[in-house]
Each structure stands twice: as C-alpha cells, then as structure tokens.
Amino acid sequence: MYLCLHSKSNGHTFLWMKKAVEPTMTVSSNATDAKDGDVMRTIFQNKSGGFSVKEFASRYGVSYESLTRMTGFSLRAISNWSQGSKPSASTARRLTEMKRLFAALENLVSPAAIGPWLKDPNPAFDGSTPLQVIERGESDRIWRMVYELESGEPA
C-alpha cells in the first residue's frame, strides 16, 4: 500500500506515492462505504457519546504522546479522557477537527498506515513530518493534500 502525497517542481504540483509500513494494506472501505457522520460516530465515540481516545489511538496507531503533540493537551488530560472523563465543550470542538482530518485521511488510505505516516519526514511538507505540520497549526496543508487527492485537481 502506498500513501499519496504531493510535491512541487517547476511551478507544478505533482502527486506521488510513498510506500507505507505494510505493502499488503488495502485502502479502507469503511469510510468510503458509509456516510461521513456514521464513520465519525463509529470510530470516535465512546458509549456516552464522547471522544474515545483508546479507540482513536488504536485505530490509527497513534501514541498518546503523539496525541498530546497534535492537540496541545497534556498527557494527563489525554489519559483522563482515555479512562472516560469527558472533555469540555471547547476541547471537544478542537478534538472534532482532528477527528475530521483523520476520517478524511482514512478515505484515502488504511487507518493503520496513518500513524506511521505521521512520523515520517515528507518532502510535500518541506521535510517536516505530518505530525510536526499539525503541531505547528498548519493542518490546512494536510487538508489541501486531501482535497487534491480526492478531487484529482492538483493546485
């Protein structure tokens, strides 16, 4: 399985593929077969309807440490949520944006490929890892990549 990425050369944007962790991975059918809202509810909500840190981390192969970097929340907060504490309304809004980004990535690749991809330096992001891009508040760059891959229209 390959992750689709983009890079620029001579003023043109090119999409290219990078080999993912396991060559036998397949593109996720869950996200493409279901409605986005159904996927979000299935993947991310715990029994009380809140964000399920454990399910999120497990599904995408993301460590709690990576979650702290992506969200800006402390490891203690992440751990509390994994044990069932409910985040505040403002925190829930911030987590929803992250959930949406991962659901969009899942439309393109297997969920298991996303965690390792986050830590791999990427020429499409000027050598930064996608995790660093999110950490710096530049997730719009990843959204742009998702749009280009889904639409087939490089910028």
N, C-alpha and C. Protein backbone atom coordinates (compact mmCIF):
# COMPACT_ATOMS: atom_id res chain seq x y z
N MET A 1 0.84 -1.19 0.00
CA MET A 1 0.00 0.00 0.00
C MET A 1 0.87 1.23 0.00
N TYR A 2 0.44 2.22 -0.69
CA TYR A 2 1.18 3.46 -0.77
C TYR A 2 0.33 4.61 -0.29
N LEU A 3 0.98 5.60 0.31
CA LEU A 3 0.31 6.83 0.70
C LEU A 3 0.51 7.82 -0.43
N CYS A 4 -0.53 8.52 -0.79
CA CYS A 4 -0.43 9.52 -1.84
C CYS A 4 0.01 10.84 -1.22
N LEU A 5 0.96 11.49 -1.85
CA LEU A 5 1.47 12.76 -1.36
C LEU A 5 1.63 13.70 -2.54
N HIS A 6 1.95 14.95 -2.28
CA HIS A 6 2.19 15.86 -3.38
C HIS A 6 3.48 16.63 -3.15
N SER A 7 4.06 17.06 -4.25
CA SER A 7 5.26 17.89 -4.17
C SER A 7 5.22 18.86 -5.33
N LYS A 8 6.04 19.90 -5.24
CA LYS A 8 6.07 20.92 -6.28
C LYS A 8 7.43 20.93 -6.96
N SER A 9 7.40 21.10 -8.27
CA SER A 9 8.62 21.18 -9.06
C SER A 9 8.32 22.03 -10.29
N ASN A 10 9.16 22.97 -10.57
CA ASN A 10 9.00 23.85 -11.73
C ASN A 10 7.61 24.49 -11.78
N GLY A 11 7.09 24.86 -10.63
CA GLY A 11 5.81 25.54 -10.56
C GLY A 11 4.60 24.64 -10.69
N HIS A 12 4.81 23.33 -10.80
CA HIS A 12 3.71 22.37 -10.92
C HIS A 12 3.64 21.52 -9.67
N THR A 13 2.43 21.13 -9.32
CA THR A 13 2.24 20.23 -8.19
C THR A 13 2.09 18.82 -8.71
N PHE A 14 2.87 17.91 -8.16
CA PHE A 14 2.80 16.51 -8.56
C PHE A 14 2.37 15.66 -7.37
N LEU A 15 1.53 14.70 -7.65
CA LEU A 15 1.15 13.73 -6.63
C LEU A 15 2.10 12.56 -6.77
N TRP A 16 2.57 12.05 -5.66
CA TRP A 16 3.45 10.90 -5.71
C TRP A 16 3.10 9.95 -4.59
N MET A 17 3.62 8.77 -4.69
CA MET A 17 3.28 7.72 -3.74
C MET A 17 4.49 7.40 -2.87
N LYS A 18 4.25 7.13 -1.61
CA LYS A 18 5.30 6.70 -0.68
C LYS A 18 4.85 5.39 -0.08
N LYS A 19 5.74 4.42 -0.09
CA LYS A 19 5.41 3.10 0.42
C LYS A 19 5.06 3.20 1.90
N ALA A 20 3.94 2.61 2.28
CA ALA A 20 3.50 2.60 3.67
C ALA A 20 4.20 1.46 4.41
N VAL A 21 3.89 1.33 5.68
CA VAL A 21 4.55 0.35 6.54
C VAL A 21 4.39 -1.07 6.02
N GLU A 22 3.17 -1.49 5.70
CA GLU A 22 2.93 -2.85 5.25
C GLU A 22 2.46 -2.83 3.81
N PRO A 23 3.18 -3.50 2.90
CA PRO A 23 2.78 -3.47 1.50
C PRO A 23 1.45 -4.17 1.23
N THR A 24 0.94 -4.95 2.16
CA THR A 24 -0.31 -5.67 1.94
C THR A 24 -1.54 -4.90 2.39
N MET A 25 -1.37 -3.69 2.92
CA MET A 25 -2.52 -2.92 3.39
C MET A 25 -3.40 -2.53 2.20
N THR A 26 -4.68 -2.42 2.45
CA THR A 26 -5.61 -2.00 1.40
C THR A 26 -6.25 -0.69 1.80
N VAL A 27 -6.76 0.00 0.81
CA VAL A 27 -7.47 1.25 1.09
C VAL A 27 -8.71 0.91 1.89
N SER A 28 -8.98 1.70 2.89
CA SER A 28 -10.11 1.45 3.77
C SER A 28 -11.41 1.54 2.99
N SER A 29 -12.26 0.57 3.18
CA SER A 29 -13.57 0.64 2.56
C SER A 29 -14.60 1.17 3.53
N ASN A 30 -14.30 1.16 4.84
CA ASN A 30 -15.27 1.63 5.84
C ASN A 30 -15.69 3.06 5.58
N ALA A 31 -14.72 3.92 5.38
CA ALA A 31 -15.02 5.34 5.26
C ALA A 31 -15.68 5.66 3.93
N THR A 32 -15.34 4.91 2.87
CA THR A 32 -15.93 5.23 1.58
C THR A 32 -17.32 4.63 1.42
N ASP A 33 -17.61 3.53 2.13
CA ASP A 33 -18.91 2.89 2.01
C ASP A 33 -19.96 3.53 2.91
N ALA A 34 -19.55 4.14 4.00
CA ALA A 34 -20.50 4.70 4.96
C ALA A 34 -20.57 6.22 4.80
N LYS A 35 -21.63 6.77 5.33
CA LYS A 35 -21.73 8.23 5.36
C LYS A 35 -20.73 8.77 6.36
N ASP A 36 -20.19 9.97 6.11
CA ASP A 36 -19.17 10.54 6.98
C ASP A 36 -19.60 10.58 8.44
N GLY A 37 -20.83 10.97 8.71
CA GLY A 37 -21.31 11.04 10.08
C GLY A 37 -21.32 9.68 10.75
N ASP A 38 -21.69 8.65 9.99
CA ASP A 38 -21.69 7.29 10.54
C ASP A 38 -20.28 6.85 10.89
N VAL A 39 -19.33 7.16 10.02
CA VAL A 39 -17.94 6.80 10.27
C VAL A 39 -17.45 7.52 11.52
N MET A 40 -17.73 8.80 11.63
CA MET A 40 -17.29 9.57 12.79
C MET A 40 -17.87 8.98 14.07
N ARG A 41 -19.15 8.66 14.09
CA ARG A 41 -19.76 8.10 15.28
C ARG A 41 -19.17 6.73 15.61
N THR A 42 -18.99 5.89 14.61
CA THR A 42 -18.49 4.54 14.82
C THR A 42 -17.07 4.56 15.36
N ILE A 43 -16.23 5.39 14.78
CA ILE A 43 -14.81 5.40 15.13
C ILE A 43 -14.53 6.12 16.43
N PHE A 44 -15.16 7.23 16.65
CA PHE A 44 -14.67 8.15 17.65
C PHE A 44 -15.49 8.28 18.91
N GLN A 45 -16.68 7.76 18.96
CA GLN A 45 -17.49 7.99 20.14
C GLN A 45 -17.48 6.79 21.08
N ASN A 46 -17.38 7.09 22.36
CA ASN A 46 -17.49 6.03 23.36
C ASN A 46 -18.97 5.84 23.69
N LYS A 47 -19.26 5.00 24.64
CA LYS A 47 -20.65 4.68 24.97
C LYS A 47 -21.46 5.89 25.39
N SER A 48 -20.81 6.87 26.00
CA SER A 48 -21.54 8.06 26.44
C SER A 48 -21.63 9.12 25.33
N GLY A 49 -21.11 8.81 24.13
CA GLY A 49 -21.21 9.73 23.01
C GLY A 49 -20.02 10.66 22.87
N GLY A 50 -19.04 10.57 23.77
CA GLY A 50 -17.87 11.43 23.71
C GLY A 50 -16.73 10.83 22.90
N PHE A 51 -15.63 11.53 22.86
CA PHE A 51 -14.44 11.12 22.13
C PHE A 51 -13.80 9.92 22.82
N SER A 52 -13.53 8.87 22.08
CA SER A 52 -12.89 7.69 22.63
C SER A 52 -11.41 7.71 22.26
N VAL A 53 -10.57 8.12 23.19
CA VAL A 53 -9.13 8.22 22.96
C VAL A 53 -8.55 6.84 22.65
N LYS A 54 -8.96 5.84 23.40
CA LYS A 54 -8.43 4.49 23.20
C LYS A 54 -8.72 3.98 21.79
N GLU A 55 -9.96 4.12 21.34
CA GLU A 55 -10.34 3.66 20.01
C GLU A 55 -9.61 4.44 18.93
N PHE A 56 -9.49 5.74 19.11
CA PHE A 56 -8.79 6.58 18.15
C PHE A 56 -7.33 6.16 18.03
N ALA A 57 -6.65 6.05 19.17
CA ALA A 57 -5.23 5.69 19.18
C ALA A 57 -5.01 4.31 18.59
N SER A 58 -5.87 3.39 18.93
CA SER A 58 -5.74 2.03 18.43
C SER A 58 -6.01 1.95 16.93
N ARG A 59 -7.05 2.59 16.47
CA ARG A 59 -7.44 2.53 15.06
C ARG A 59 -6.35 3.09 14.15
N TYR A 60 -5.73 4.19 14.56
CA TYR A 60 -4.77 4.87 13.70
C TYR A 60 -3.32 4.63 14.08
N GLY A 61 -3.07 3.83 15.10
CA GLY A 61 -1.69 3.55 15.50
C GLY A 61 -0.99 4.80 16.00
N VAL A 62 -1.72 5.62 16.74
CA VAL A 62 -1.19 6.88 17.26
C VAL A 62 -0.97 6.73 18.76
N SER A 63 0.21 7.08 19.23
CA SER A 63 0.50 7.01 20.66
C SER A 63 -0.13 8.19 21.38
N TYR A 64 -0.28 8.06 22.69
CA TYR A 64 -0.80 9.17 23.49
C TYR A 64 0.15 10.36 23.41
N GLU A 65 1.44 10.09 23.33
CA GLU A 65 2.43 11.17 23.20
C GLU A 65 2.19 11.96 21.91
N SER A 66 1.91 11.24 20.82
CA SER A 66 1.62 11.92 19.55
C SER A 66 0.32 12.71 19.65
N LEU A 67 -0.66 12.15 20.36
CA LEU A 67 -1.91 12.88 20.55
C LEU A 67 -1.68 14.18 21.32
N THR A 68 -0.80 14.14 22.32
CA THR A 68 -0.51 15.38 23.06
C THR A 68 0.12 16.41 22.14
N ARG A 69 0.99 15.96 21.26
CA ARG A 69 1.64 16.89 20.33
C ARG A 69 0.64 17.47 19.32
N MET A 70 -0.26 16.64 18.82
CA MET A 70 -1.23 17.10 17.82
C MET A 70 -2.28 18.02 18.40
N THR A 71 -2.68 17.75 19.64
CA THR A 71 -3.78 18.52 20.23
C THR A 71 -3.32 19.67 21.10
N GLY A 72 -2.10 19.59 21.62
CA GLY A 72 -1.62 20.60 22.54
C GLY A 72 -2.09 20.38 23.97
N PHE A 73 -2.79 19.28 24.21
CA PHE A 73 -3.25 18.96 25.56
C PHE A 73 -2.22 18.12 26.28
N SER A 74 -2.26 18.13 27.59
CA SER A 74 -1.28 17.39 28.38
C SER A 74 -1.53 15.89 28.31
N LEU A 75 -0.49 15.13 28.61
CA LEU A 75 -0.61 13.68 28.68
C LEU A 75 -1.63 13.28 29.74
N ARG A 76 -1.67 14.04 30.81
CA ARG A 76 -2.65 13.76 31.89
C ARG A 76 -4.08 13.90 31.35
N ALA A 77 -4.34 14.95 30.58
CA ALA A 77 -5.68 15.14 30.02
C ALA A 77 -6.03 14.00 29.07
N ILE A 78 -5.09 13.64 28.21
CA ILE A 78 -5.31 12.54 27.26
C ILE A 78 -5.61 11.25 28.03
N SER A 79 -4.82 10.99 29.06
CA SER A 79 -5.02 9.79 29.89
C SER A 79 -6.39 9.81 30.57
N ASN A 80 -6.77 10.97 31.10
CA ASN A 80 -8.09 11.09 31.75
C ASN A 80 -9.21 10.79 30.76
N TRP A 81 -9.10 11.31 29.54
CA TRP A 81 -10.13 11.04 28.52
C TRP A 81 -10.15 9.57 28.16
N SER A 82 -8.97 8.93 28.13
CA SER A 82 -8.93 7.50 27.79
C SER A 82 -9.61 6.66 28.87
N GLN A 83 -9.69 7.21 30.08
CA GLN A 83 -10.34 6.50 31.18
C GLN A 83 -11.80 6.90 31.35
N GLY A 84 -12.32 7.71 30.43
CA GLY A 84 -13.73 8.01 30.45
C GLY A 84 -14.13 9.43 30.82
N SER A 85 -13.17 10.28 31.25
CA SER A 85 -13.52 11.66 31.55
C SER A 85 -13.97 12.37 30.27
N LYS A 86 -14.90 13.26 30.42
CA LYS A 86 -15.44 13.98 29.27
C LYS A 86 -14.72 15.32 29.12
N PRO A 87 -14.21 15.61 27.91
CA PRO A 87 -13.57 16.91 27.71
C PRO A 87 -14.60 18.04 27.73
N SER A 88 -14.13 19.26 27.99
CA SER A 88 -15.02 20.42 27.99
C SER A 88 -15.55 20.65 26.58
N ALA A 89 -16.55 21.49 26.47
CA ALA A 89 -17.16 21.78 25.16
C ALA A 89 -16.14 22.38 24.19
N SER A 90 -15.31 23.31 24.67
CA SER A 90 -14.32 23.93 23.77
C SER A 90 -13.26 22.91 23.35
N THR A 91 -12.87 22.03 24.27
CA THR A 91 -11.91 20.98 23.95
C THR A 91 -12.52 20.00 22.95
N ALA A 92 -13.78 19.66 23.15
CA ALA A 92 -14.47 18.73 22.24
C ALA A 92 -14.50 19.28 20.82
N ARG A 93 -14.67 20.60 20.68
CA ARG A 93 -14.66 21.20 19.35
C ARG A 93 -13.29 21.04 18.70
N ARG A 94 -12.23 21.22 19.46
CA ARG A 94 -10.87 21.07 18.92
C ARG A 94 -10.60 19.62 18.54
N LEU A 95 -11.08 18.69 19.36
CA LEU A 95 -10.89 17.26 19.06
C LEU A 95 -11.70 16.85 17.82
N THR A 96 -12.85 17.46 17.64
CA THR A 96 -13.67 17.15 16.47
C THR A 96 -12.94 17.49 15.19
N GLU A 97 -12.22 18.58 15.16
CA GLU A 97 -11.45 18.95 13.96
C GLU A 97 -10.39 17.89 13.67
N MET A 98 -9.71 17.40 14.69
CA MET A 98 -8.71 16.36 14.49
C MET A 98 -9.38 15.08 13.99
N LYS A 99 -10.53 14.74 14.56
CA LYS A 99 -11.26 13.55 14.13
C LYS A 99 -11.64 13.65 12.66
N ARG A 100 -12.08 14.82 12.24
CA ARG A 100 -12.46 15.03 10.84
C ARG A 100 -11.26 14.84 9.91
N LEU A 101 -10.11 15.35 10.31
CA LEU A 101 -8.91 15.20 9.49
C LEU A 101 -8.55 13.73 9.32
N PHE A 102 -8.58 12.98 10.41
CA PHE A 102 -8.23 11.56 10.34
C PHE A 102 -9.26 10.77 9.54
N ALA A 103 -10.54 11.12 9.65
CA ALA A 103 -11.57 10.46 8.84
C ALA A 103 -11.33 10.74 7.35
N ALA A 104 -10.93 11.96 7.02
CA ALA A 104 -10.63 12.30 5.63
C ALA A 104 -9.42 11.52 5.13
N LEU A 105 -8.39 11.39 5.96
CA LEU A 105 -7.22 10.59 5.57
C LEU A 105 -7.61 9.13 5.38
N GLU A 106 -8.52 8.66 6.20
CA GLU A 106 -8.97 7.27 6.10
C GLU A 106 -9.71 7.01 4.79
N ASN A 107 -10.28 8.03 4.20
CA ASN A 107 -10.90 7.88 2.88
C ASN A 107 -9.85 7.56 1.82
N LEU A 108 -8.59 7.88 2.10
CA LEU A 108 -7.51 7.70 1.12
C LEU A 108 -6.66 6.46 1.37
N VAL A 109 -6.44 6.13 2.63
CA VAL A 109 -5.55 5.02 2.97
C VAL A 109 -6.10 4.22 4.15
N SER A 110 -5.49 3.09 4.38
CA SER A 110 -5.85 2.26 5.51
C SER A 110 -5.60 3.01 6.81
N PRO A 111 -6.48 2.89 7.79
CA PRO A 111 -6.27 3.57 9.07
C PRO A 111 -4.93 3.22 9.71
N ALA A 112 -4.50 1.97 9.59
CA ALA A 112 -3.24 1.54 10.22
C ALA A 112 -2.02 2.22 9.61
N ALA A 113 -2.13 2.74 8.41
CA ALA A 113 -1.00 3.41 7.75
C ALA A 113 -0.83 4.85 8.21
N ILE A 114 -1.86 5.43 8.81
CA ILE A 114 -1.83 6.85 9.16
C ILE A 114 -0.85 7.16 10.28
N GLY A 115 -0.85 6.38 11.36
CA GLY A 115 0.06 6.62 12.48
C GLY A 115 1.52 6.65 12.06
N PRO A 116 2.01 5.60 11.34
CA PRO A 116 3.40 5.64 10.89
C PRO A 116 3.68 6.78 9.92
N TRP A 117 2.72 7.12 9.07
CA TRP A 117 2.89 8.21 8.11
C TRP A 117 3.10 9.54 8.83
N LEU A 118 2.41 9.72 9.97
CA LEU A 118 2.54 10.97 10.73
C LEU A 118 3.97 11.25 11.16
N LYS A 119 4.77 10.21 11.37
CA LYS A 119 6.12 10.37 11.91
C LYS A 119 7.21 10.33 10.84
N ASP A 120 6.84 10.17 9.60
CA ASP A 120 7.80 10.05 8.51
C ASP A 120 8.04 11.40 7.85
N PRO A 121 9.30 11.89 7.80
CA PRO A 121 9.57 13.15 7.11
C PRO A 121 9.04 13.09 5.67
N ASN A 122 8.47 14.19 5.24
CA ASN A 122 7.76 14.20 3.98
C ASN A 122 8.16 15.40 3.13
N PRO A 123 8.66 15.15 1.91
CA PRO A 123 9.04 16.27 1.05
C PRO A 123 7.87 17.19 0.70
N ALA A 124 6.66 16.67 0.73
CA ALA A 124 5.49 17.50 0.45
C ALA A 124 5.30 18.58 1.51
N PHE A 125 5.90 18.36 2.68
CA PHE A 125 5.83 19.32 3.77
C PHE A 125 7.21 19.88 4.08
N ASP A 126 8.01 20.04 3.05
CA ASP A 126 9.35 20.62 3.16
C ASP A 126 10.23 19.85 4.16
N GLY A 127 10.08 18.52 4.17
CA GLY A 127 10.89 17.68 5.04
C GLY A 127 10.36 17.52 6.46
N SER A 128 9.32 18.24 6.80
CA SER A 128 8.69 18.07 8.11
C SER A 128 7.84 16.81 8.10
N THR A 129 7.61 16.27 9.28
CA THR A 129 6.67 15.16 9.37
C THR A 129 5.25 15.74 9.42
N PRO A 130 4.24 14.97 8.99
CA PRO A 130 2.87 15.46 9.13
C PRO A 130 2.53 15.80 10.59
N LEU A 131 3.09 15.05 11.53
CA LEU A 131 2.88 15.35 12.95
C LEU A 131 3.38 16.75 13.29
N GLN A 132 4.55 17.12 12.79
CA GLN A 132 5.09 18.46 13.02
C GLN A 132 4.22 19.53 12.37
N VAL A 133 3.69 19.22 11.19
CA VAL A 133 2.82 20.16 10.49
C VAL A 133 1.57 20.44 11.33
N ILE A 134 0.96 19.37 11.86
CA ILE A 134 -0.23 19.53 12.71
C ILE A 134 0.14 20.28 13.98
N GLU A 135 1.26 19.91 14.57
CA GLU A 135 1.72 20.52 15.82
C GLU A 135 1.92 22.03 15.67
N ARG A 136 2.38 22.46 14.51
CA ARG A 136 2.60 23.89 14.25
C ARG A 136 1.31 24.62 13.88
N GLY A 137 0.19 23.90 13.85
CA GLY A 137 -1.07 24.55 13.50
C GLY A 137 -1.26 24.73 12.01
N GLU A 138 -0.58 23.92 11.21
CA GLU A 138 -0.64 24.04 9.75
C GLU A 138 -1.39 22.87 9.13
N SER A 139 -2.42 22.39 9.81
CA SER A 139 -3.16 21.24 9.28
C SER A 139 -3.85 21.57 7.96
N ASP A 140 -3.98 22.84 7.64
CA ASP A 140 -4.55 23.22 6.34
C ASP A 140 -3.71 22.66 5.19
N ARG A 141 -2.43 22.47 5.41
CA ARG A 141 -1.57 21.89 4.38
C ARG A 141 -1.95 20.43 4.12
N ILE A 142 -2.32 19.73 5.17
CA ILE A 142 -2.76 18.33 5.01
C ILE A 142 -4.15 18.31 4.37
N TRP A 143 -5.03 19.22 4.80
CA TRP A 143 -6.35 19.31 4.18
C TRP A 143 -6.23 19.59 2.68
N ARG A 144 -5.29 20.45 2.31
CA ARG A 144 -5.07 20.76 0.89
C ARG A 144 -4.67 19.50 0.13
N MET A 145 -3.76 18.71 0.72
CA MET A 145 -3.33 17.47 0.11
C MET A 145 -4.51 16.51 -0.06
N VAL A 146 -5.35 16.40 0.99
CA VAL A 146 -6.52 15.53 0.92
C VAL A 146 -7.43 15.98 -0.20
N TYR A 147 -7.68 17.28 -0.29
CA TYR A 147 -8.54 17.81 -1.35
C TYR A 147 -7.99 17.47 -2.72
N GLU A 148 -6.71 17.70 -2.92
CA GLU A 148 -6.09 17.43 -4.22
C GLU A 148 -6.19 15.96 -4.60
N LEU A 149 -6.00 15.09 -3.64
CA LEU A 149 -6.08 13.66 -3.93
C LEU A 149 -7.50 13.21 -4.19
N GLU A 150 -8.46 13.74 -3.44
CA GLU A 150 -9.85 13.35 -3.64
C GLU A 150 -10.43 13.92 -4.92
N SER A 151 -10.06 15.13 -5.25
CA SER A 151 -10.64 15.79 -6.43
C SER A 151 -9.88 15.47 -7.71
N GLY A 152 -8.63 15.06 -7.57
CA GLY A 152 -7.80 14.83 -8.74
C GLY A 152 -7.32 16.12 -9.38
N GLU A 153 -7.48 17.23 -8.67
CA GLU A 153 -7.09 18.53 -9.19
C GLU A 153 -5.91 19.09 -8.40
N PRO A 154 -4.68 18.84 -8.85
CA PRO A 154 -3.55 19.48 -8.15
C PRO A 154 -3.62 20.99 -8.28
N ALA A 155 -3.21 21.66 -7.21
CA ALA A 155 -3.24 23.13 -7.21
C ALA A 155 -2.17 23.70 -8.10
